[in-house]
Amino acid sequence: MVLNTRKVKVHREFRTQWLIKWKQLPTSEATWEWATDITKDYPEFNMEDKVVTEEGANVMNPLAARL
């Protein structure tokens, strides 16, 4: 489940990170992961299906069973 998103400047580009709440771990153990890594490692994970109501709002994906 993605709890939050952020943009991180790497060299001269901004890259997206997602705050991931991992299955069977408490929210306090959530980690920031590169969006590109998550989409590569979990191809069924699709953030385009999610609706963010406001900037910084929580985004959840119940289909990502491995997260």
C-alpha atoms as a PDB file:
ATOM      1  CA  MET A   1       0.000   0.000   0.000  1.00  0.00           C
ATOM      2  CA  VAL A   2       1.312   3.449  -0.879  1.00  0.00           C
ATOM      3  CA  LEU A   3       0.932   5.886   2.001  1.00  0.00           C
ATOM      4  CA  ASN A   4       2.438   8.939   0.327  1.00  0.00           C
ATOM      5  CA  THR A   5       4.485  10.137  -2.624  1.00  0.00           C
ATOM      6  CA  ARG A   6       7.312  12.605  -3.028  1.00  0.00           C
ATOM      7  CA  LYS A   7       9.656  13.939  -5.699  1.00  0.00           C
ATOM      8  CA  VAL A   8      13.388  13.713  -5.007  1.00  0.00           C
ATOM      9  CA  LYS A   9      15.966  15.633  -7.005  1.00  0.00           C
ATOM     10  CA  VAL A  10      18.650  13.279  -8.303  1.00  0.00           C
ATOM     11  CA  HIS A  11      21.329  15.166 -10.186  1.00  0.00           C
ATOM     12  CA  ARG A  12      19.255  17.438 -12.437  1.00  0.00           C
ATOM     13  CA  GLU A  13      16.064  15.377 -12.527  1.00  0.00           C
ATOM     14  CA  PHE A  14      13.193  14.806 -10.152  1.00  0.00           C
ATOM     15  CA  ARG A  15      12.356  11.165  -9.470  1.00  0.00           C
ATOM     16  CA  THR A  16       9.262   9.805  -7.720  1.00  0.00           C
ATOM     17  CA  GLN A  17       9.386   7.856  -4.484  1.00  0.00           C
ATOM     18  CA  TRP A  18       6.476   6.091  -2.816  1.00  0.00           C
ATOM     19  CA  LEU A  19       6.159   5.504   0.921  1.00  0.00           C
ATOM     20  CA  ILE A  20       5.340   1.788   1.004  1.00  0.00           C
ATOM     21  CA  LYS A  21       3.510   0.123   3.895  1.00  0.00           C
ATOM     22  CA  TRP A  22       4.648  -3.489   3.563  1.00  0.00           C
ATOM     23  CA  LYS A  23       2.209  -6.320   4.194  1.00  0.00           C
ATOM     24  CA  GLN A  24       2.436  -7.784   7.716  1.00  0.00           C
ATOM     25  CA  LEU A  25       4.647  -4.919   8.946  1.00  0.00           C
ATOM     26  CA  PRO A  26       3.451  -1.971  11.036  1.00  0.00           C
ATOM     27  CA  THR A  27       3.072   1.437   9.420  1.00  0.00           C
ATOM     28  CA  SER A  28       6.089   2.612  11.413  1.00  0.00           C
ATOM     29  CA  GLU A  29       8.192   0.226   9.273  1.00  0.00           C
ATOM     30  CA  ALA A  30       7.077   1.838   5.977  1.00  0.00           C
ATOM     31  CA  THR A  31       9.947   2.702   3.633  1.00  0.00           C
ATOM     32  CA  TRP A  32      10.511   5.172   0.807  1.00  0.00           C
ATOM     33  CA  GLU A  33      11.061   3.255  -2.434  1.00  0.00           C
ATOM     34  CA  TRP A  34      11.732   4.427  -5.976  1.00  0.00           C
ATOM     35  CA  ALA A  35       8.534   4.191  -8.020  1.00  0.00           C
ATOM     36  CA  THR A  36      10.526   2.745 -10.924  1.00  0.00           C
ATOM     37  CA  ASP A  37      11.808  -0.091  -8.719  1.00  0.00           C
ATOM     38  CA  ILE A  38       8.329  -0.963  -7.432  1.00  0.00           C
ATOM     39  CA  THR A  39       6.799  -1.003 -10.910  1.00  0.00           C
ATOM     40  CA  LYS A  40       9.681  -3.162 -12.153  1.00  0.00           C
ATOM     41  CA  ASP A  41       9.580  -5.617  -9.228  1.00  0.00           C
ATOM     42  CA  TYR A  42       5.755  -5.699  -8.969  1.00  0.00           C
ATOM     43  CA  PRO A  43       4.433  -5.304 -12.546  1.00  0.00           C
ATOM     44  CA  GLU A  44       0.808  -5.828 -11.406  1.00  0.00           C
ATOM     45  CA  PHE A  45       1.089  -2.690  -9.260  1.00  0.00           C
ATOM     46  CA  ASN A  46      -0.563   0.149 -11.195  1.00  0.00           C
ATOM     47  CA  MET A  47      -0.725   3.624  -9.672  1.00  0.00           C
ATOM     48  CA  GLU A  48      -2.570   5.012 -12.729  1.00  0.00           C
ATOM     49  CA  ASP A  49      -5.758   3.376 -11.421  1.00  0.00           C
ATOM     50  CA  LYS A  50      -5.622   5.392  -8.208  1.00  0.00           C
ATOM     51  CA  VAL A  51      -7.279   8.741  -7.622  1.00  0.00           C
ATOM     52  CA  VAL A  52      -5.497  11.281  -5.459  1.00  0.00           C
ATOM     53  CA  THR A  53      -7.965  13.812  -4.107  1.00  0.00           C
ATOM     54  CA  GLU A  54      -5.353  16.339  -3.013  1.00  0.00           C
ATOM     55  CA  GLU A  55      -1.594  16.647  -3.081  1.00  0.00           C
ATOM     56  CA  GLY A  56      -0.055  14.425  -0.437  1.00  0.00           C
ATOM     57  CA  ALA A  57      -3.239  12.400   0.042  1.00  0.00           C
ATOM     58  CA  ASN A  58      -2.929   8.711   0.822  1.00  0.00           C
ATOM     59  CA  VAL A  59      -3.060   6.327  -2.117  1.00  0.00           C
ATOM     60  CA  MET A  60      -4.005   2.696  -1.548  1.00  0.00           C
ATOM     61  CA  ASN A  61      -3.737  -0.311  -3.822  1.00  0.00           C
ATOM     62  CA  PRO A  62      -5.545  -3.416  -2.516  1.00  0.00           C
ATOM     63  CA  LEU A  63      -4.394  -5.432  -5.560  1.00  0.00           C
ATOM     64  CA  ALA A  64      -0.736  -5.334  -4.579  1.00  0.00           C
ATOM     65  CA  ALA A  65      -0.990  -8.349  -2.287  1.00  0.00           C
ATOM     66  CA  ARG A  66       2.771  -8.689  -1.950  1.00  0.00           C
ATOM     67  CA  LEU A  67       3.208  -5.180  -0.557  1.00  0.00           C
END
